[in-house]
């Protein structure tokens, strides 16, 4: 008789514990069925590991828990700075720092996420800036980089726009923050001025 009483007590205790666990699971399931896309972002729907064509705009959405999740991607204007080294037309090494203002094309964030991931700054933008700065800098001698800086910047901008638009990255502006020349060149410019 004592054994049956212990079994009944264990069953009752199990039911008492099961109810809160089921309630917590149900609440978690309900809340994981909803997603909010914040302003300036788009949601890329991933279903069972596959990126879907469906892109969520700003707002409140329902998704299927365990099957779908949403990756948030910012589509507002962003800034990325990168260092670039290049050689001028007169074979002088120059280092520069370039700031790129860009935004992502809203309708292609799913393709960017699928092919590149979230690290598109380092995987796509930085190499494109490096390549563009090298090719444009090689067209000018060191003195022209200083005197024709707006022209150099415009050519870098046009070339960079062409390279990145195919990835869904829209370049808005670039800024050449600085050119850093070798010490010998700086000394020669200083002595020329004096």
N, C-alpha and C. Protein backbone atom coordinates (compact mmCIF):
# COMPACT_ATOMS: atom_id res chain seq x y z
N UNK A 1 0.80 -1.20 0.00
CA UNK A 1 0.00 0.00 0.00
C UNK A 1 0.84 1.26 0.00
N UNK A 2 1.95 1.26 0.72
CA UNK A 2 2.81 2.43 0.78
C UNK A 2 3.46 2.73 -0.57
N UNK A 3 3.69 1.65 -1.36
CA UNK A 3 4.31 1.82 -2.67
C UNK A 3 3.34 2.54 -3.60
N UNK A 4 2.06 2.14 -3.57
CA UNK A 4 1.07 2.78 -4.44
C UNK A 4 0.86 4.23 -4.07
N UNK A 5 0.95 4.52 -2.79
CA UNK A 5 0.78 5.90 -2.33
C UNK A 5 1.93 6.77 -2.84
N UNK A 6 3.17 6.25 -2.83
CA UNK A 6 4.33 6.99 -3.34
C UNK A 6 4.21 7.21 -4.85
N UNK A 7 3.71 6.19 -5.57
CA UNK A 7 3.54 6.33 -7.01
C UNK A 7 2.49 7.39 -7.34
N UNK A 8 1.39 7.40 -6.60
CA UNK A 8 0.36 8.42 -6.81
C UNK A 8 0.90 9.80 -6.51
N UNK A 9 1.69 9.91 -5.47
CA UNK A 9 2.28 11.20 -5.09
C UNK A 9 3.25 11.68 -6.18
N UNK A 10 4.05 10.75 -6.73
CA UNK A 10 4.98 11.08 -7.81
C UNK A 10 4.23 11.51 -9.07
N UNK A 11 3.13 10.84 -9.39
CA UNK A 11 2.33 11.22 -10.56
C UNK A 11 1.72 12.61 -10.38
N UNK A 12 1.21 12.87 -9.21
CA UNK A 12 0.62 14.18 -8.91
C UNK A 12 1.70 15.26 -8.99
N UNK A 13 2.87 14.99 -8.44
CA UNK A 13 3.97 15.94 -8.48
C UNK A 13 4.43 16.17 -9.93
N UNK A 14 4.47 15.09 -10.72
CA UNK A 14 4.85 15.21 -12.13
C UNK A 14 3.87 16.07 -12.90
N UNK A 15 2.58 15.92 -12.64
CA UNK A 15 1.56 16.74 -13.31
C UNK A 15 1.69 18.20 -12.90
N UNK A 16 1.95 18.40 -11.62
CA UNK A 16 2.09 19.78 -11.12
C UNK A 16 3.29 20.46 -11.78
N UNK A 17 4.38 19.74 -11.99
CA UNK A 17 5.55 20.31 -12.65
C UNK A 17 5.37 20.44 -14.15
N UNK A 18 4.63 19.54 -14.75
CA UNK A 18 4.43 19.54 -16.19
C UNK A 18 3.62 20.75 -16.65
N UNK A 19 2.65 21.15 -15.88
CA UNK A 19 1.78 22.28 -16.27
C UNK A 19 2.59 23.56 -16.46
N UNK A 20 3.44 23.99 -15.49
CA UNK A 20 4.21 25.22 -15.72
C UNK A 20 5.19 25.09 -16.88
N UNK A 21 5.78 23.91 -17.05
CA UNK A 21 6.71 23.70 -18.17
C UNK A 21 5.97 23.85 -19.49
N UNK A 22 4.79 23.29 -19.60
CA UNK A 22 3.99 23.41 -20.83
C UNK A 22 3.56 24.86 -21.06
N UNK A 23 3.21 25.55 -20.00
CA UNK A 23 2.82 26.96 -20.13
C UNK A 23 3.99 27.79 -20.62
N UNK A 24 5.16 27.58 -20.02
CA UNK A 24 6.36 28.32 -20.44
C UNK A 24 6.69 28.01 -21.90
N UNK A 25 6.63 26.74 -22.28
CA UNK A 25 6.90 26.36 -23.67
C UNK A 25 5.91 27.01 -24.62
N UNK A 26 4.63 27.00 -24.26
CA UNK A 26 3.60 27.59 -25.11
C UNK A 26 3.82 29.10 -25.27
N UNK A 27 4.14 29.79 -24.19
CA UNK A 27 4.40 31.24 -24.25
C UNK A 27 5.61 31.51 -25.13
N UNK A 28 6.68 30.72 -24.95
CA UNK A 28 7.88 30.89 -25.77
C UNK A 28 7.56 30.65 -27.24
N UNK A 29 6.76 29.64 -27.53
CA UNK A 29 6.37 29.32 -28.91
C UNK A 29 5.59 30.46 -29.54
N UNK A 30 4.67 31.04 -28.77
CA UNK A 30 3.88 32.16 -29.28
C UNK A 30 4.78 33.35 -29.58
N UNK A 31 5.65 33.69 -28.63
CA UNK A 31 6.51 34.87 -28.84
C UNK A 31 7.55 34.64 -29.93
N UNK A 32 8.01 33.42 -30.13
CA UNK A 32 8.98 33.17 -31.19
C UNK A 32 8.31 33.10 -32.56
N UNK A 33 7.00 33.22 -32.60
CA UNK A 33 6.27 33.23 -33.87
C UNK A 33 6.18 34.63 -34.47
N UNK A 34 6.62 35.63 -33.74
CA UNK A 34 6.53 37.02 -34.19
C UNK A 34 7.91 37.63 -34.31
N UNK A 35 8.04 38.51 -35.27
CA UNK A 35 9.30 39.24 -35.47
C UNK A 35 8.97 40.67 -35.87
N UNK A 36 9.76 41.61 -35.37
CA UNK A 36 9.60 43.01 -35.71
C UNK A 36 10.84 43.48 -36.46
N UNK A 37 10.63 44.06 -37.63
CA UNK A 37 11.72 44.64 -38.41
C UNK A 37 11.75 46.13 -38.08
N UNK A 38 12.87 46.56 -37.51
CA UNK A 38 13.02 47.94 -37.06
C UNK A 38 13.21 48.90 -38.25
N UNK A 39 12.94 50.19 -38.03
CA UNK A 39 13.16 51.18 -39.10
C UNK A 39 14.61 51.15 -39.60
N UNK A 40 14.77 51.28 -40.90
CA UNK A 40 16.10 51.29 -41.50
C UNK A 40 16.69 49.91 -41.71
N UNK A 41 15.88 48.88 -41.52
CA UNK A 41 16.35 47.50 -41.69
C UNK A 41 15.41 46.74 -42.63
N UNK A 42 15.89 45.63 -43.13
CA UNK A 42 15.06 44.69 -43.87
C UNK A 42 15.33 43.32 -43.27
N UNK A 43 14.31 42.48 -43.31
CA UNK A 43 14.45 41.14 -42.77
C UNK A 43 14.59 40.12 -43.88
N UNK A 44 15.65 39.33 -43.82
CA UNK A 44 15.85 38.26 -44.79
C UNK A 44 15.33 36.97 -44.15
N UNK A 45 14.35 36.36 -44.79
CA UNK A 45 13.73 35.16 -44.26
C UNK A 45 14.58 33.94 -44.65
N UNK A 46 14.96 33.17 -43.63
CA UNK A 46 15.71 31.93 -43.84
C UNK A 46 14.81 30.78 -43.37
N UNK A 47 14.51 29.86 -44.29
CA UNK A 47 13.62 28.75 -43.97
C UNK A 47 14.38 27.43 -44.11
N UNK A 48 14.51 26.73 -43.00
CA UNK A 48 15.24 25.46 -42.96
C UNK A 48 16.63 25.60 -43.59
N UNK A 49 17.29 26.71 -43.30
CA UNK A 49 18.65 26.94 -43.78
C UNK A 49 18.75 27.53 -45.17
N UNK A 50 17.64 27.74 -45.86
CA UNK A 50 17.67 28.28 -47.22
C UNK A 50 17.14 29.71 -47.22
N UNK A 51 17.89 30.62 -47.85
CA UNK A 51 17.47 32.01 -47.96
C UNK A 51 16.29 32.08 -48.94
N UNK A 52 15.23 32.75 -48.52
CA UNK A 52 14.02 32.87 -49.33
C UNK A 52 14.03 34.17 -50.13
N UNK A 53 13.19 34.25 -51.14
CA UNK A 53 13.04 35.47 -51.94
C UNK A 53 12.28 36.54 -51.17
N UNK A 54 11.59 36.17 -50.15
CA UNK A 54 10.76 37.09 -49.35
C UNK A 54 11.66 37.97 -48.49
N UNK A 55 11.51 39.28 -48.66
CA UNK A 55 12.23 40.27 -47.86
C UNK A 55 11.20 41.06 -47.07
N UNK A 56 11.39 41.14 -45.77
CA UNK A 56 10.43 41.83 -44.91
C UNK A 56 10.82 43.30 -44.76
N UNK A 57 9.85 44.18 -45.01
CA UNK A 57 10.06 45.61 -44.76
C UNK A 57 9.85 45.91 -43.29
N UNK A 58 9.89 47.18 -42.94
CA UNK A 58 9.69 47.57 -41.56
C UNK A 58 8.30 47.14 -41.10
N UNK A 59 8.21 46.63 -39.87
CA UNK A 59 6.90 46.26 -39.35
C UNK A 59 6.93 44.97 -38.55
N UNK A 60 5.74 44.44 -38.31
CA UNK A 60 5.50 43.28 -37.45
C UNK A 60 5.05 42.11 -38.31
N UNK A 61 5.66 40.94 -38.13
CA UNK A 61 5.37 39.78 -38.97
C UNK A 61 5.27 38.51 -38.13
N UNK A 62 4.60 37.51 -38.70
CA UNK A 62 4.58 36.19 -38.08
C UNK A 62 5.46 35.26 -38.90
N UNK A 63 6.15 34.37 -38.20
CA UNK A 63 6.98 33.36 -38.86
C UNK A 63 6.68 32.01 -38.22
N UNK A 64 7.15 30.96 -38.85
CA UNK A 64 6.95 29.62 -38.32
C UNK A 64 8.15 29.26 -37.44
N UNK A 65 7.92 29.10 -36.13
CA UNK A 65 9.04 28.76 -35.24
C UNK A 65 9.68 27.42 -35.64
N UNK A 66 10.96 27.30 -35.36
CA UNK A 66 11.77 26.11 -35.66
C UNK A 66 12.04 25.95 -37.16
N UNK A 67 11.24 26.55 -38.00
CA UNK A 67 11.41 26.38 -39.45
C UNK A 67 11.97 27.64 -40.08
N UNK A 68 11.52 28.79 -39.63
CA UNK A 68 11.98 30.06 -40.19
C UNK A 68 12.65 30.91 -39.12
N UNK A 69 13.64 31.69 -39.55
CA UNK A 69 14.15 32.77 -38.72
C UNK A 69 14.47 33.93 -39.65
N UNK A 70 14.64 35.10 -39.08
CA UNK A 70 14.83 36.31 -39.87
C UNK A 70 16.15 36.96 -39.49
N UNK A 71 16.99 37.24 -40.51
CA UNK A 71 18.24 37.98 -40.32
C UNK A 71 17.97 39.45 -40.63
N UNK A 72 18.30 40.33 -39.69
CA UNK A 72 18.10 41.76 -39.88
C UNK A 72 19.31 42.36 -40.57
N UNK A 73 19.05 43.14 -41.62
CA UNK A 73 20.12 43.80 -42.37
C UNK A 73 19.80 45.28 -42.49
N UNK A 74 20.76 46.12 -42.13
CA UNK A 74 20.56 47.56 -42.16
C UNK A 74 20.65 48.08 -43.59
N UNK A 75 19.68 48.93 -43.97
CA UNK A 75 19.68 49.52 -45.32
C UNK A 75 19.85 51.04 -45.28
N UNK A 76 20.09 51.58 -44.09
CA UNK A 76 20.36 53.02 -43.97
C UNK A 76 21.77 53.32 -44.46
N UNK A 77 22.06 54.59 -44.66
CA UNK A 77 23.40 54.99 -45.05
C UNK A 77 24.39 54.60 -43.95
N UNK A 78 25.47 53.95 -44.37
CA UNK A 78 26.52 53.52 -43.46
C UNK A 78 27.85 54.08 -43.94
N UNK A 79 28.81 54.16 -43.02
CA UNK A 79 30.14 54.65 -43.38
C UNK A 79 31.16 53.56 -43.09
N UNK A 80 32.08 53.38 -44.02
CA UNK A 80 33.15 52.41 -43.83
C UNK A 80 34.45 53.07 -44.24
N UNK A 81 35.44 53.03 -43.37
CA UNK A 81 36.75 53.60 -43.66
C UNK A 81 37.75 52.49 -43.88
N UNK A 82 38.62 52.69 -44.86
CA UNK A 82 39.62 51.67 -45.18
C UNK A 82 40.91 52.36 -45.60
N UNK A 83 42.04 51.75 -45.20
CA UNK A 83 43.35 52.23 -45.63
C UNK A 83 43.69 51.56 -46.95
N UNK A 84 44.34 52.33 -47.82
CA UNK A 84 44.74 51.79 -49.12
C UNK A 84 46.15 52.28 -49.45
N UNK A 85 46.95 51.40 -50.02
CA UNK A 85 48.29 51.78 -50.47
C UNK A 85 48.33 51.61 -51.98
N UNK A 86 49.08 52.50 -52.63
CA UNK A 86 49.17 52.45 -54.09
C UNK A 86 50.45 53.14 -54.53
N UNK A 87 50.74 53.01 -55.80
CA UNK A 87 51.89 53.68 -56.40
C UNK A 87 51.38 54.71 -57.40
N UNK A 88 52.00 55.88 -57.38
CA UNK A 88 51.61 56.94 -58.31
C UNK A 88 52.22 56.68 -59.69
N UNK A 89 51.86 57.54 -60.64
CA UNK A 89 52.39 57.41 -62.00
C UNK A 89 53.91 57.55 -62.01
N UNK A 90 54.44 58.38 -61.09
CA UNK A 90 55.89 58.55 -61.01
C UNK A 90 56.52 57.58 -59.99
N UNK A 91 55.88 56.46 -59.76
CA UNK A 91 56.36 55.33 -58.95
C UNK A 91 56.72 55.76 -57.52
N UNK A 92 55.83 56.48 -56.91
CA UNK A 92 56.00 56.89 -55.52
C UNK A 92 54.90 56.22 -54.70
N UNK A 93 55.28 55.54 -53.64
CA UNK A 93 54.29 54.88 -52.80
C UNK A 93 53.50 55.91 -52.00
N UNK A 94 52.20 55.74 -51.98
CA UNK A 94 51.33 56.65 -51.23
C UNK A 94 50.31 55.82 -50.46
N UNK A 95 50.09 56.21 -49.23
CA UNK A 95 49.05 55.58 -48.41
C UNK A 95 47.91 56.57 -48.29
N UNK A 96 46.72 56.05 -48.33
CA UNK A 96 45.56 56.93 -48.20
C UNK A 96 44.52 56.25 -47.33
N UNK A 97 43.67 57.08 -46.76
CA UNK A 97 42.53 56.58 -45.99
C UNK A 97 41.29 57.09 -46.69
N UNK A 98 40.38 56.16 -47.03
CA UNK A 98 39.18 56.49 -47.79
C UNK A 98 37.95 56.13 -46.96
N UNK A 99 37.02 57.07 -46.88
CA UNK A 99 35.73 56.82 -46.22
C UNK A 99 34.68 56.66 -47.31
N UNK A 100 33.90 55.58 -47.21
CA UNK A 100 32.86 55.30 -48.19
C UNK A 100 31.51 55.37 -47.49
N UNK A 101 30.62 56.22 -47.99
CA UNK A 101 29.23 56.24 -47.52
C UNK A 101 28.42 55.45 -48.54
N UNK A 102 27.65 54.49 -48.04
CA UNK A 102 26.90 53.60 -48.92
C UNK A 102 25.63 53.13 -48.22
N UNK A 103 24.75 52.54 -49.00
CA UNK A 103 23.60 51.83 -48.45
C UNK A 103 23.35 50.59 -49.30
N UNK A 104 22.61 49.66 -48.74
CA UNK A 104 22.31 48.43 -49.46
C UNK A 104 21.00 48.57 -50.22
N UNK A 105 20.95 48.01 -51.41
CA UNK A 105 19.73 48.00 -52.22
C UNK A 105 18.71 47.13 -51.51
N UNK A 106 17.59 47.70 -51.17
CA UNK A 106 16.59 46.99 -50.36
C UNK A 106 16.12 45.69 -51.00
N UNK A 107 15.95 45.68 -52.30
CA UNK A 107 15.41 44.51 -52.98
C UNK A 107 16.40 43.39 -53.20
N UNK A 108 17.67 43.60 -52.84
CA UNK A 108 18.65 42.54 -53.08
C UNK A 108 19.43 42.16 -51.82
N UNK A 109 18.93 42.54 -50.64
CA UNK A 109 19.65 42.18 -49.41
C UNK A 109 19.68 40.67 -49.19
N UNK A 110 18.66 39.97 -49.69
CA UNK A 110 18.67 38.51 -49.52
C UNK A 110 19.78 37.87 -50.35
N UNK A 111 20.02 38.36 -51.54
CA UNK A 111 21.10 37.82 -52.38
C UNK A 111 22.46 38.14 -51.79
N UNK A 112 22.62 39.35 -51.26
CA UNK A 112 23.88 39.73 -50.62
C UNK A 112 24.13 38.83 -49.41
N UNK A 113 23.10 38.62 -48.61
CA UNK A 113 23.24 37.75 -47.43
C UNK A 113 23.58 36.32 -47.84
N UNK A 114 22.95 35.85 -48.90
CA UNK A 114 23.17 34.48 -49.36
C UNK A 114 24.56 34.27 -49.93
N UNK A 115 25.06 35.25 -50.68
CA UNK A 115 26.34 35.07 -51.37
C UNK A 115 27.55 35.56 -50.57
N UNK A 116 27.34 36.55 -49.69
CA UNK A 116 28.47 37.15 -48.97
C UNK A 116 28.33 37.00 -47.45
N UNK A 117 27.12 37.13 -46.95
CA UNK A 117 26.91 37.12 -45.51
C UNK A 117 26.87 38.53 -44.96
N UNK A 118 27.00 38.64 -43.66
CA UNK A 118 26.91 39.95 -43.02
C UNK A 118 28.23 40.71 -43.00
N UNK A 119 29.33 40.06 -43.37
CA UNK A 119 30.65 40.70 -43.34
C UNK A 119 31.01 41.29 -44.70
N UNK A 120 30.04 41.91 -45.36
CA UNK A 120 30.27 42.44 -46.70
C UNK A 120 31.27 43.60 -46.70
N UNK A 121 31.44 44.31 -45.56
CA UNK A 121 32.44 45.39 -45.49
C UNK A 121 33.83 44.85 -45.81
N UNK A 122 34.22 43.78 -45.13
CA UNK A 122 35.56 43.23 -45.31
C UNK A 122 35.68 42.33 -46.53
N UNK A 123 34.61 41.69 -46.92
CA UNK A 123 34.68 40.75 -48.05
C UNK A 123 34.50 41.41 -49.40
N UNK A 124 33.75 42.51 -49.45
CA UNK A 124 33.44 43.12 -50.75
C UNK A 124 33.93 44.57 -50.84
N UNK A 125 33.55 45.40 -49.87
CA UNK A 125 33.84 46.83 -49.98
C UNK A 125 35.34 47.11 -49.86
N UNK A 126 36.00 46.57 -48.85
CA UNK A 126 37.44 46.85 -48.65
C UNK A 126 38.28 46.44 -49.86
N UNK A 127 38.12 45.23 -50.41
CA UNK A 127 38.91 44.89 -51.60
C UNK A 127 38.59 45.77 -52.81
N UNK A 128 37.33 46.16 -52.96
CA UNK A 128 36.97 47.03 -54.09
C UNK A 128 37.62 48.39 -53.94
N UNK A 129 37.65 48.92 -52.71
CA UNK A 129 38.31 50.22 -52.47
C UNK A 129 39.80 50.10 -52.76
N UNK A 130 40.42 49.03 -52.26
CA UNK A 130 41.86 48.82 -52.49
C UNK A 130 42.17 48.81 -54.00
N UNK A 131 41.42 48.02 -54.73
CA UNK A 131 41.66 47.88 -56.17
C UNK A 131 41.42 49.21 -56.89
N UNK A 132 40.36 49.89 -56.53
CA UNK A 132 40.02 51.15 -57.19
C UNK A 132 41.06 52.23 -56.91
N UNK A 133 41.47 52.35 -55.66
CA UNK A 133 42.48 53.36 -55.30
C UNK A 133 43.78 53.09 -56.03
N UNK A 134 44.18 51.82 -56.12
CA UNK A 134 45.42 51.48 -56.83
C UNK A 134 45.32 51.88 -58.31
N UNK A 135 44.21 51.55 -58.96
CA UNK A 135 44.10 51.83 -60.40
C UNK A 135 43.99 53.32 -60.69
N UNK A 136 43.27 54.06 -59.86
CA UNK A 136 43.12 55.50 -60.11
C UNK A 136 44.38 56.26 -59.73
N UNK A 137 45.01 55.90 -58.61
CA UNK A 137 46.24 56.58 -58.17
C UNK A 137 47.34 56.43 -59.21
N UNK A 138 47.40 55.31 -59.88
CA UNK A 138 48.44 55.06 -60.88
C UNK A 138 48.33 56.00 -62.09
N UNK A 139 47.21 56.68 -62.24
CA UNK A 139 47.02 57.60 -63.36
C UNK A 139 47.59 59.00 -63.08
N UNK A 140 47.93 59.28 -61.84
CA UNK A 140 48.38 60.61 -61.45
C UNK A 140 49.77 60.52 -60.82
N UNK A 141 50.57 61.60 -61.00
CA UNK A 141 51.82 61.65 -60.26
C UNK A 141 51.54 62.23 -58.87
N UNK A 142 52.50 62.18 -57.99
CA UNK A 142 52.29 62.54 -56.58
C UNK A 142 51.79 63.97 -56.42
N UNK A 143 52.35 64.89 -57.19
CA UNK A 143 51.94 66.30 -57.08
C UNK A 143 50.48 66.48 -57.52
N UNK A 144 50.08 65.74 -58.57
CA UNK A 144 48.71 65.85 -59.06
C UNK A 144 47.69 65.30 -58.05
N UNK A 145 48.10 64.31 -57.27
CA UNK A 145 47.19 63.79 -56.24
C UNK A 145 46.78 64.89 -55.27
N UNK A 146 47.70 65.83 -55.05
CA UNK A 146 47.41 66.93 -54.13
C UNK A 146 46.63 68.03 -54.86
N UNK A 147 47.10 68.42 -56.03
CA UNK A 147 46.48 69.55 -56.73
C UNK A 147 45.16 69.18 -57.41
N UNK A 148 44.99 67.92 -57.76
CA UNK A 148 43.77 67.49 -58.45
C UNK A 148 42.95 66.52 -57.59
N UNK A 149 42.98 66.75 -56.32
CA UNK A 149 42.30 65.84 -55.38
C UNK A 149 40.81 65.63 -55.70
N UNK A 150 40.05 66.70 -56.04
CA UNK A 150 38.63 66.48 -56.38
C UNK A 150 38.44 65.57 -57.61
N UNK A 151 39.31 65.69 -58.58
CA UNK A 151 39.23 64.86 -59.79
C UNK A 151 39.54 63.41 -59.43
N UNK A 152 40.58 63.22 -58.60
CA UNK A 152 40.94 61.87 -58.15
C UNK A 152 39.77 61.25 -57.40
N UNK A 153 39.18 62.01 -56.49
CA UNK A 153 38.04 61.52 -55.71
C UNK A 153 36.86 61.16 -56.58
N UNK A 154 36.57 61.97 -57.59
CA UNK A 154 35.45 61.70 -58.50
C UNK A 154 35.68 60.41 -59.29
N UNK A 155 36.91 60.23 -59.77
CA UNK A 155 37.21 59.01 -60.53
C UNK A 155 37.11 57.76 -59.65
N UNK A 156 37.56 57.86 -58.40
CA UNK A 156 37.43 56.74 -57.47
C UNK A 156 35.96 56.44 -57.22
N UNK A 157 35.16 57.49 -57.04
CA UNK A 157 33.72 57.32 -56.79
C UNK A 157 33.03 56.60 -57.95
N UNK A 158 33.27 57.05 -59.17
CA UNK A 158 32.63 56.46 -60.35
C UNK A 158 33.02 54.99 -60.49
N UNK A 159 34.31 54.70 -60.34
CA UNK A 159 34.78 53.33 -60.48
C UNK A 159 34.23 52.43 -59.38
N UNK A 160 34.19 52.94 -58.16
CA UNK A 160 33.69 52.16 -57.03
C UNK A 160 32.20 51.87 -57.17
N UNK A 161 31.45 52.87 -57.65
CA UNK A 161 30.01 52.66 -57.88
C UNK A 161 29.78 51.50 -58.85
N UNK A 162 30.55 51.48 -59.93
CA UNK A 162 30.39 50.43 -60.94
C UNK A 162 30.71 49.05 -60.37
N UNK A 163 31.74 48.97 -59.53
CA UNK A 163 32.15 47.68 -58.97
C UNK A 163 31.14 47.13 -57.97
N UNK A 164 30.57 47.99 -57.14
CA UNK A 164 29.76 47.53 -56.02
C UNK A 164 28.27 47.41 -56.33
N UNK A 165 27.78 48.10 -57.36
CA UNK A 165 26.34 48.06 -57.65
C UNK A 165 25.89 46.64 -58.02
N UNK A 166 26.75 45.87 -58.66
CA UNK A 166 26.38 44.51 -59.03
C UNK A 166 26.18 43.60 -57.81
N UNK A 167 26.70 44.00 -56.67
CA UNK A 167 26.50 43.25 -55.42
C UNK A 167 25.33 43.79 -54.61
N UNK A 168 24.69 44.84 -55.10
CA UNK A 168 23.57 45.43 -54.37
C UNK A 168 24.01 46.47 -53.35
N UNK A 169 25.23 47.00 -53.52
CA UNK A 169 25.76 48.03 -52.63
C UNK A 169 25.82 49.33 -53.42
N UNK A 170 25.09 50.33 -52.94
CA UNK A 170 25.00 51.61 -53.63
C UNK A 170 25.94 52.60 -52.94
N UNK A 171 26.99 53.01 -53.64
CA UNK A 171 27.94 53.97 -53.09
C UNK A 171 27.36 55.36 -53.29
N UNK A 172 27.25 56.11 -52.20
CA UNK A 172 26.71 57.47 -52.25
C UNK A 172 27.83 58.49 -52.44
N UNK A 173 28.81 58.46 -51.56
CA UNK A 173 29.94 59.39 -51.64
C UNK A 173 31.19 58.68 -51.14
N UNK A 174 32.34 59.23 -51.53
CA UNK A 174 33.60 58.79 -50.93
C UNK A 174 34.35 60.05 -50.52
N UNK A 175 35.17 59.91 -49.52
CA UNK A 175 36.03 61.01 -49.08
C UNK A 175 37.44 60.48 -48.92
N UNK A 176 38.37 61.17 -49.55
CA UNK A 176 39.78 60.83 -49.34
C UNK A 176 40.19 61.61 -48.10
N UNK A 177 40.33 60.90 -46.99
CA UNK A 177 40.61 61.57 -45.73
C UNK A 177 42.03 62.12 -45.71
N UNK A 178 42.98 61.35 -46.22
CA UNK A 178 44.34 61.87 -46.31
C UNK A 178 45.16 61.06 -47.31
N UNK A 179 46.22 61.71 -47.80
CA UNK A 179 47.27 61.06 -48.58
C UNK A 179 48.51 61.14 -47.72
N UNK A 180 49.22 60.05 -47.60
CA UNK A 180 50.45 60.03 -46.83
C UNK A 180 51.59 59.63 -47.76
N UNK A 181 52.49 60.58 -47.98
CA UNK A 181 53.61 60.36 -48.89
C UNK A 181 54.86 60.00 -48.11
N UNK A 182 55.87 59.42 -48.79
CA UNK A 182 57.13 59.13 -48.11
C UNK A 182 57.80 60.42 -47.59
N UNK A 183 58.61 60.28 -46.60
CA UNK A 183 59.27 61.43 -45.97
C UNK A 183 60.11 62.20 -46.98
N UNK A 184 60.78 61.49 -47.89
CA UNK A 184 61.63 62.17 -48.89
C UNK A 184 60.80 63.13 -49.76
N UNK A 185 59.60 62.68 -50.15
CA UNK A 185 58.73 63.52 -50.97
C UNK A 185 58.29 64.76 -50.18
N UNK A 186 57.89 64.55 -48.93
CA UNK A 186 57.47 65.69 -48.10
C UNK A 186 58.61 66.68 -47.91
N UNK A 187 59.83 66.17 -47.71
CA UNK A 187 60.98 67.06 -47.55
C UNK A 187 61.25 67.82 -48.84
N UNK A 188 61.12 67.16 -49.98
CA UNK A 188 61.35 67.82 -51.27
C UNK A 188 60.32 68.92 -51.51
N UNK A 189 59.06 68.68 -51.15
CA UNK A 189 58.02 69.70 -51.30
C UNK A 189 58.29 70.88 -50.38
N UNK A 190 58.71 70.61 -49.16
CA UNK A 190 59.02 71.68 -48.21
C UNK A 190 60.19 72.51 -48.69
N UNK A 191 61.26 71.88 -49.19
CA UNK A 191 62.44 72.63 -49.65
C UNK A 191 62.10 73.42 -50.92
N UNK A 192 61.20 72.88 -51.75
CA UNK A 192 60.78 73.59 -52.97
C UNK A 192 60.04 74.86 -52.62
N UNK A 193 59.19 74.79 -51.57
CA UNK A 193 58.43 75.95 -51.15
C UNK A 193 59.32 77.02 -50.54
N UNK A 194 60.36 76.61 -49.83
CA UNK A 194 61.24 77.60 -49.22
C UNK A 194 62.25 78.10 -50.21
